[in-house]
Amino acid sequence: CCLNGLNLHSDFPQLRNDTFLRAARGEETEHVPVWCMRQAGRYLTEFREFRAGKDFFETCQSPEACCELTLQPLRRFGFDAAIIFSDILVIPQALGMDVQMVAGKGPTFPEPLKEPEDLQRLTAKVDVGKELGYVFKAITLTRHKIEGKVPLIGFSGAPWTLMSYMIEGGGSNTHSKAKRWLYRHPEASHMLLTMLTDVIVEYLLGQVAAGAQALQVFESHAGILGPVHFNEYSLPYLRDIARRVKDELKEAGQDVPMIVFAKDAHYAVEDLSQSHYDVVGLDWTIDPQSARERTGGKVSLQGNMDPCALYAPKERISDIVKKMLEGFGTRGYIANLGHGVYPDMDPENVGAFVEAVHQHSKQMIKKI
């Protein structure tokens, strides 16, 4: 992957496999499309070799590196979509916060937000093109290098999830520091969430302008909120993002499918299906059939095999996939895991998952 000699604004190669986009819109497909969250990840030897000795966020800031890491899983597996290699924490960085990836610990903020007055440390007006232009370049480069094989998904973290990282200073089991803000500083919380929402909207629109053909919003920390807090501090912002992005794209005559993935927000499936998103992503704690009933055909669904099912023997993976497909049905459905691929997974089992989705769904669709 190299930017040299590429006219970045020239026409992209024609898309040869639009199964994922058709499923996102609820249209008929010949097979159920499949991709995996974290499909470009440490479970791949070539990923580990390419990343060895390199700083994580420096890799994120290199369009050529992001392009190569995005393409690696496509060389191995018959995925129906690619997702740009990046990280949700590039947004707090764009707001002026220092974020480091610490070996064995994960993402770390040396100076997290502690009190409302710390909001003054954040950049009030973020120049998204300047601060996050490296992501846009990575998307454009990857769109060329993918050669129309499959669509490219862009993504962002959601406001609450980013807010919790910025206050906790890293990962957390309880998120008690961030939740303390919700109870003690509701106004400051809304101020921060609004600030994040504005940047996210611009960031997602920039990704589409750069070539992203679909967008996913990750509300990874939804499950730590109960329904009351979710309805106050997450859902309104998720809806606002989708509405604003869709309105802006409509004016430009564009229609880009949007996916919302609110992990562990099983109590909010109905609300999420009425939030301007085309697809609702589900984790493995939700029964496929009941998700279909609860969303009433308003949206396509994505998910939701337990990532740990990939530890099973291949024949068992095939059975699990078949049952999942029967639960969701083959229309308006994108197969995925209920979370990302774990680093110690066997790539062959990921391949078996992809093959099982294609094989079983083709047979099921033929019978209809």
Protein backbone atom coordinates (compact mmCIF):
# COMPACT_ATOMS: atom_id res chain seq x y z
CA CYS A 1 0.00 0.00 0.00
CA CYS A 2 1.49 3.30 -1.01
CA LEU A 3 0.08 6.79 -1.62
CA ASN A 4 2.77 7.68 -4.16
CA GLY A 5 1.50 8.23 -7.65
CA LEU A 6 -2.14 7.72 -6.71
CA ASN A 7 -4.56 10.41 -7.66
CA LEU A 8 -6.55 10.23 -4.44
CA HIS A 9 -9.59 11.94 -5.90
CA SER A 10 -9.77 9.80 -9.03
CA ASP A 11 -12.63 7.37 -9.50
CA PHE A 12 -12.56 4.35 -7.23
CA PRO A 13 -12.60 0.87 -8.76
CA GLN A 14 -16.13 -0.45 -9.33
CA LEU A 15 -17.62 -2.47 -6.46
CA ARG A 16 -17.88 -6.14 -7.42
CA ASN A 17 -19.57 -7.52 -4.30
CA ASP A 18 -22.35 -5.33 -2.84
CA THR A 19 -24.00 -8.13 -0.81
CA PHE A 20 -23.22 -6.38 2.48
CA LEU A 21 -24.74 -3.08 1.33
CA ARG A 22 -27.86 -4.79 -0.02
CA ALA A 23 -28.37 -6.70 3.24
CA ALA A 24 -27.92 -3.47 5.22
CA ARG A 25 -30.80 -1.98 3.20
CA GLY A 26 -32.97 -5.08 3.64
CA GLU A 27 -32.76 -6.11 -0.03
CA GLU A 28 -32.51 -9.65 -1.38
CA THR A 29 -29.10 -11.33 -1.52
CA GLU A 30 -27.75 -14.65 -2.87
CA HIS A 31 -26.08 -15.37 0.45
CA VAL A 32 -25.88 -13.76 3.90
CA PRO A 33 -22.89 -11.39 4.03
CA VAL A 34 -20.35 -11.80 6.82
CA TRP A 35 -17.53 -9.77 8.36
CA CYS A 36 -15.99 -9.71 11.85
CA MET A 37 -15.34 -6.90 14.25
CA ARG A 38 -11.56 -6.81 14.77
CA GLN A 39 -11.05 -8.97 11.67
CA ALA A 40 -7.73 -7.14 11.26
CA GLY A 41 -6.23 -8.24 14.55
CA ARG A 42 -3.61 -10.04 16.58
CA TYR A 43 -5.04 -13.51 15.82
CA LEU A 44 -3.35 -13.16 12.38
CA THR A 45 0.38 -13.95 12.26
CA GLU A 46 0.89 -11.41 9.47
CA PHE A 47 -0.77 -8.72 11.62
CA ARG A 48 1.56 -9.44 14.55
CA GLU A 49 4.60 -9.45 12.28
CA PHE A 50 3.63 -6.18 10.60
CA ARG A 51 2.91 -4.46 13.93
CA ALA A 52 6.00 -5.79 15.77
CA GLY A 53 7.98 -3.05 17.48
CA LYS A 54 5.72 -0.27 16.19
CA ASP A 55 3.78 2.16 18.40
CA PHE A 56 0.03 1.50 18.13
CA PHE A 57 -1.11 5.09 17.53
CA GLU A 58 1.79 5.76 15.16
CA THR A 59 0.45 2.83 13.12
CA CYS A 60 -3.03 4.40 13.23
CA GLN A 61 -1.53 7.63 11.87
CA SER A 62 0.11 5.91 8.88
CA PRO A 63 -2.35 5.58 5.95
CA GLU A 64 -0.10 2.95 4.33
CA ALA A 65 0.00 0.83 7.52
CA CYS A 66 -3.76 1.09 8.07
CA CYS A 67 -4.37 0.11 4.45
CA GLU A 68 -2.15 -2.98 4.70
CA LEU A 69 -3.74 -4.10 8.01
CA THR A 70 -7.25 -3.60 6.60
CA LEU A 71 -6.44 -5.74 3.55
CA GLN A 72 -4.70 -8.62 5.38
CA PRO A 73 -7.87 -10.51 6.42
CA LEU A 74 -9.33 -10.14 2.90
CA ARG A 75 -6.38 -12.07 1.49
CA ARG A 76 -7.22 -15.01 3.77
CA PHE A 77 -10.99 -15.08 4.07
CA GLY A 78 -14.07 -14.47 1.93
CA PHE A 79 -15.36 -11.59 4.05
CA ASP A 80 -18.11 -9.49 2.40
CA ALA A 81 -16.88 -6.20 3.92
CA ALA A 82 -13.71 -4.60 5.26
CA ILE A 83 -13.52 -2.15 8.15
CA ILE A 84 -10.76 0.46 8.14
CA PHE A 85 -8.01 -0.25 10.66
CA SER A 86 -8.09 2.58 13.22
CA ASP A 87 -9.17 3.15 16.83
CA ILE A 88 -12.09 4.88 18.55
CA LEU A 89 -9.68 6.89 20.75
CA VAL A 90 -8.38 9.04 17.88
CA ILE A 91 -11.25 11.43 18.77
CA PRO A 92 -10.08 12.18 22.34
CA GLN A 93 -6.63 12.72 20.79
CA ALA A 94 -8.13 15.20 18.30
CA LEU A 95 -9.67 17.03 21.29
CA GLY A 96 -6.16 17.50 22.69
CA MET A 97 -5.90 14.57 25.12
CA ASP A 98 -2.84 12.37 25.37
CA VAL A 99 -3.65 8.68 24.85
CA GLN A 100 -1.03 5.92 24.89
CA MET A 101 -1.30 2.20 24.22
CA VAL A 102 0.51 0.53 27.13
CA ALA A 103 1.61 -3.09 26.65
CA GLY A 104 -0.39 -5.44 28.87
CA LYS A 105 -2.65 -2.62 30.05
CA GLY A 106 -4.33 -1.24 26.94
CA PRO A 107 -5.27 2.38 26.20
CA THR A 108 -4.15 4.82 28.90
CA PHE A 109 -4.81 8.53 29.43
CA PRO A 110 -1.99 9.94 31.62
CA GLU A 111 -4.19 12.94 32.49
CA PRO A 112 -7.86 11.93 32.48
CA LEU A 113 -10.71 14.39 33.07
CA LYS A 114 -11.41 14.54 36.82
CA GLU A 115 -13.73 17.51 37.37
CA PRO A 116 -15.92 19.68 35.08
CA GLU A 117 -13.32 22.46 34.94
CA ASP A 118 -11.04 19.98 33.12
CA LEU A 119 -13.29 20.39 30.07
CA GLN A 120 -11.48 23.69 29.50
CA ARG A 121 -8.38 21.65 28.60
CA LEU A 122 -10.16 20.28 25.52
CA THR A 123 -9.90 21.93 22.11
CA ALA A 124 -13.15 23.85 21.68
CA LYS A 125 -13.19 23.95 17.87
CA VAL A 126 -11.56 20.86 16.40
CA ASP A 127 -10.29 21.09 12.84
CA VAL A 128 -11.30 17.52 11.96
CA GLY A 129 -9.60 17.56 8.55
CA LYS A 130 -6.31 18.61 10.10
CA GLU A 131 -6.42 16.43 13.24
CA LEU A 132 -7.91 13.28 11.70
CA GLY A 133 -6.93 13.68 8.05
CA TYR A 134 -4.68 10.61 8.37
CA VAL A 135 -7.82 8.45 8.78
CA PHE A 136 -9.39 10.00 5.68
CA LYS A 137 -6.18 9.34 3.70
CA ALA A 138 -6.16 5.73 4.93
CA ILE A 139 -9.77 5.26 3.75
CA THR A 140 -9.09 6.75 0.30
CA LEU A 141 -5.93 4.69 -0.17
CA THR A 142 -7.70 1.50 0.97
CA ARG A 143 -10.67 2.13 -1.35
CA HIS A 144 -8.21 2.12 -4.27
CA LYS A 145 -6.20 -0.88 -3.06
CA ILE A 146 -9.25 -3.01 -2.24
CA GLU A 147 -9.99 -2.84 -5.97
CA GLY A 148 -13.75 -3.05 -5.55
CA LYS A 149 -13.55 -6.50 -3.94
CA VAL A 150 -15.87 -5.57 -1.04
CA PRO A 151 -17.28 -2.37 0.54
CA LEU A 152 -15.20 -0.45 3.09
CA ILE A 153 -16.74 0.45 6.46
CA GLY A 154 -15.72 3.57 8.39
CA PHE A 155 -16.44 3.91 12.10
CA SER A 156 -16.39 5.99 15.25
CA GLY A 157 -16.79 5.46 18.95
CA ALA A 158 -20.04 6.84 20.40
CA PRO A 159 -20.08 9.83 22.79
CA TRP A 160 -20.75 7.98 26.06
CA THR A 161 -18.10 5.32 25.35
CA LEU A 162 -15.50 8.01 24.56
CA MET A 163 -16.54 10.07 27.59
CA SER A 164 -16.09 7.07 29.89
CA TYR A 165 -12.56 6.44 28.55
CA MET A 166 -11.66 10.12 28.93
CA ILE A 167 -12.72 10.16 32.60
CA GLU A 168 -11.65 6.63 33.63
CA GLY A 169 -8.27 7.09 31.99
CA GLY A 170 -8.49 3.64 30.40
CA GLY A 171 -10.52 0.45 30.61
CA SER A 172 -12.66 -0.21 33.66
CA ASN A 173 -15.00 -2.88 35.03
CA THR A 174 -17.33 -0.52 36.89
CA HIS A 175 -16.88 2.80 35.01
CA SER A 176 -17.63 4.34 38.40
CA LYS A 177 -15.59 7.51 37.80
CA ALA A 178 -17.46 8.25 34.58
CA LYS A 179 -20.84 7.32 36.10
CA ARG A 180 -20.07 9.57 39.06
CA TRP A 181 -20.10 12.46 36.55
CA LEU A 182 -23.58 11.46 35.36
CA TYR A 183 -24.91 11.65 38.92
CA ARG A 184 -22.88 14.62 40.20
CA HIS A 185 -22.28 16.70 37.09
CA PRO A 186 -25.18 16.13 34.68
CA GLU A 187 -24.73 19.51 32.95
CA ALA A 188 -21.00 19.05 32.39
CA SER A 189 -21.71 15.50 31.18
CA HIS A 190 -24.14 16.78 28.56
CA MET A 191 -21.66 19.48 27.58
CA LEU A 192 -18.93 16.89 26.98
CA LEU A 193 -21.30 14.53 25.13
CA THR A 194 -22.44 17.39 22.87
CA MET A 195 -18.83 18.34 22.16
CA LEU A 196 -18.02 14.74 21.22
CA THR A 197 -21.17 14.42 19.09
CA ASP A 198 -20.24 17.47 17.01
CA VAL A 199 -16.77 16.09 16.28
CA ILE A 200 -18.13 12.57 15.54
CA VAL A 201 -20.65 13.91 12.99
CA GLU A 202 -17.93 15.79 11.13
CA TYR A 203 -15.57 12.82 11.41
CA LEU A 204 -18.11 10.37 9.94
CA LEU A 205 -18.99 12.76 7.10
CA GLY A 206 -15.26 13.14 6.38
CA GLN A 207 -14.93 9.36 6.20
CA VAL A 208 -17.73 9.15 3.61
CA ALA A 209 -16.14 11.98 1.59
CA ALA A 210 -12.88 9.98 1.71
CA GLY A 211 -14.59 6.85 0.40
CA ALA A 212 -16.26 4.94 3.26
CA GLN A 213 -19.30 3.02 1.90
CA ALA A 214 -20.92 2.31 5.29
CA LEU A 215 -20.47 3.60 8.85
CA GLN A 216 -20.58 1.88 12.23
CA VAL A 217 -20.95 3.68 15.57
CA PHE A 218 -19.56 1.71 18.53
CA GLU A 219 -21.28 2.28 21.89
CA SER A 220 -19.06 -0.34 23.51
CA HIS A 221 -19.85 0.73 27.09
CA ALA A 222 -23.64 0.84 26.78
CA GLY A 223 -24.10 -2.11 29.12
CA ILE A 224 -22.72 -0.27 32.14
CA LEU A 225 -25.64 2.17 31.92
CA GLY A 226 -29.13 1.17 33.04
CA PRO A 227 -32.14 2.03 30.86
CA VAL A 228 -32.69 5.42 32.56
CA HIS A 229 -29.13 6.65 32.03
CA PHE A 230 -28.95 5.10 28.56
CA ASN A 231 -32.04 7.06 27.55
CA GLU A 232 -30.54 10.28 28.88
CA TYR A 233 -26.82 10.05 28.13
CA SER A 234 -26.48 7.67 25.18
CA LEU A 235 -29.57 7.26 23.02
CA PRO A 236 -30.24 10.98 22.26
CA TYR A 237 -26.65 11.40 21.06
CA LEU A 238 -26.69 8.20 18.99
CA ARG A 239 -29.89 9.41 17.32
CA ASP A 240 -28.49 12.88 16.79
CA ILE A 241 -25.38 11.47 15.06
CA ALA A 242 -27.39 9.31 12.65
CA ARG A 243 -29.93 12.03 11.89
CA ARG A 244 -27.32 14.72 11.22
CA VAL A 245 -25.08 12.47 9.12
CA LYS A 246 -28.05 11.16 7.09
CA ASP A 247 -29.47 14.66 6.52
CA GLU A 248 -26.13 15.98 5.33
CA LEU A 249 -25.58 13.01 3.01
CA LYS A 250 -29.12 13.26 1.63
CA GLU A 251 -28.44 16.85 0.60
CA ALA A 252 -25.40 15.60 -1.31
CA GLY A 253 -27.54 12.87 -2.90
CA GLN A 254 -25.74 10.10 -1.02
CA ASP A 255 -27.13 7.17 0.93
CA VAL A 256 -24.63 5.38 3.15
CA PRO A 257 -25.91 2.62 5.45
CA MET A 258 -25.29 3.25 9.16
CA ILE A 259 -24.90 0.58 11.85
CA VAL A 260 -25.24 1.14 15.58
CA PHE A 261 -23.61 -1.36 17.93
CA ALA A 262 -24.52 -0.75 21.58
CA LYS A 263 -22.93 -3.65 23.42
CA ASP A 264 -25.00 -5.19 26.24
CA ALA A 265 -27.88 -2.73 25.66
CA HIS A 266 -30.37 -5.57 25.29
CA TYR A 267 -32.96 -3.42 27.06
CA ALA A 268 -32.76 -0.83 24.24
CA VAL A 269 -33.18 -2.95 21.10
CA GLU A 270 -36.59 -1.44 20.27
CA ASP A 271 -35.35 2.13 20.79
CA LEU A 272 -32.23 1.51 18.72
CA SER A 273 -34.35 0.16 15.86
CA GLN A 274 -36.08 3.56 15.73
CA SER A 275 -32.97 5.74 15.79
CA HIS A 276 -32.31 6.52 12.07
CA TYR A 277 -29.79 3.66 11.73
CA ASP A 278 -30.25 1.09 8.95
CA VAL A 279 -28.71 -1.75 10.95
CA VAL A 280 -28.68 -2.65 14.65
CA GLY A 281 -25.64 -4.67 15.72
CA LEU A 282 -26.22 -7.19 18.50
CA ASP A 283 -24.00 -8.95 21.02
CA TRP A 284 -24.38 -12.64 21.86
CA THR A 285 -26.61 -12.10 24.93
CA ILE A 286 -29.64 -11.49 22.69
CA ASP A 287 -31.71 -14.28 21.16
CA PRO A 288 -31.81 -13.78 17.35
CA GLN A 289 -35.50 -14.59 16.97
CA SER A 290 -36.59 -12.30 19.79
CA ALA A 291 -34.41 -9.48 18.37
CA ARG A 292 -36.19 -9.91 15.05
CA GLU A 293 -39.60 -9.77 16.75
CA ARG A 294 -38.68 -6.79 18.94
CA THR A 295 -37.38 -4.72 16.00
CA GLY A 296 -40.47 -5.57 13.93
CA GLY A 297 -38.67 -5.59 10.58
CA LYS A 298 -37.83 -1.88 10.86
CA VAL A 299 -34.07 -2.47 10.49
CA SER A 300 -31.54 -5.03 9.34
CA LEU A 301 -29.71 -6.87 12.10
CA GLN A 302 -26.01 -7.71 12.50
CA GLY A 303 -24.32 -10.21 14.78
CA ASN A 304 -24.20 -12.06 17.03
CA MET A 305 -22.24 -15.26 17.47
CA ASP A 306 -20.37 -15.51 20.76
CA PRO A 307 -16.71 -14.92 19.80
CA CYS A 308 -15.79 -17.84 22.10
CA ALA A 309 -17.73 -20.17 19.79
CA LEU A 310 -14.65 -19.86 17.56
CA TYR A 311 -12.84 -22.09 20.08
CA ALA A 312 -15.21 -24.92 19.13
CA PRO A 313 -14.28 -27.61 16.56
CA LYS A 314 -15.13 -26.61 12.96
CA GLU A 315 -18.16 -28.93 12.66
CA ARG A 316 -19.61 -27.42 15.82
CA ILE A 317 -19.03 -23.88 14.45
CA SER A 318 -21.00 -24.91 11.38
CA ASP A 319 -23.94 -26.10 13.54
CA ILE A 320 -23.88 -22.92 15.65
CA VAL A 321 -23.92 -20.76 12.50
CA LYS A 322 -26.83 -22.74 11.00
CA LYS A 323 -28.88 -22.25 14.16
CA MET A 324 -28.03 -18.52 14.23
CA LEU A 325 -29.09 -18.11 10.59
CA GLU A 326 -32.38 -19.90 11.30
CA GLY A 327 -33.01 -17.51 14.20
CA PHE A 328 -32.31 -14.31 12.27
CA GLY A 329 -33.60 -15.40 8.87
CA THR A 330 -31.63 -14.63 5.72
CA ARG A 331 -33.21 -11.28 4.72
CA GLY A 332 -31.96 -8.01 6.21
CA TYR A 333 -29.20 -9.82 8.05
CA ILE A 334 -25.41 -9.45 8.24
CA ALA A 335 -23.55 -12.23 10.05
CA ASN A 336 -20.88 -11.15 12.52
CA LEU A 337 -19.64 -11.96 15.99
CA GLY A 338 -21.24 -10.41 19.07
CA HIS A 339 -17.93 -8.66 19.78
CA GLY A 340 -14.41 -8.61 18.28
CA VAL A 341 -12.18 -11.57 17.41
CA TYR A 342 -9.93 -12.43 20.38
CA PRO A 343 -6.11 -12.48 19.90
CA ASP A 344 -5.71 -16.21 20.63
CA MET A 345 -8.28 -17.42 18.09
CA ASP A 346 -7.21 -19.87 15.38
CA PRO A 347 -7.51 -18.17 11.96
CA GLU A 348 -8.71 -21.48 10.48
CA ASN A 349 -11.76 -21.32 12.72
CA VAL A 350 -12.49 -17.77 11.56
CA GLY A 351 -12.35 -19.17 8.03
CA ALA A 352 -14.73 -21.97 9.03
CA PHE A 353 -17.17 -19.36 10.40
CA VAL A 354 -17.14 -17.39 7.13
CA GLU A 355 -17.57 -20.53 5.02
CA ALA A 356 -20.40 -21.83 7.20
CA VAL A 357 -22.33 -18.52 6.86
CA HIS A 358 -22.00 -18.59 3.06
CA GLN A 359 -22.73 -22.29 2.65
CA HIS A 360 -25.77 -22.54 4.97
CA SER A 361 -27.30 -19.25 3.86
CA LYS A 362 -27.03 -20.15 0.14
CA GLN A 363 -28.90 -23.40 0.82
CA MET A 364 -31.54 -21.64 2.94
CA ILE A 365 -32.12 -18.92 0.31
CA LYS A 366 -32.47 -21.54 -2.46
CA LYS A 367 -35.27 -23.23 -0.50
CA ILE A 368 -37.29 -20.01 -0.12
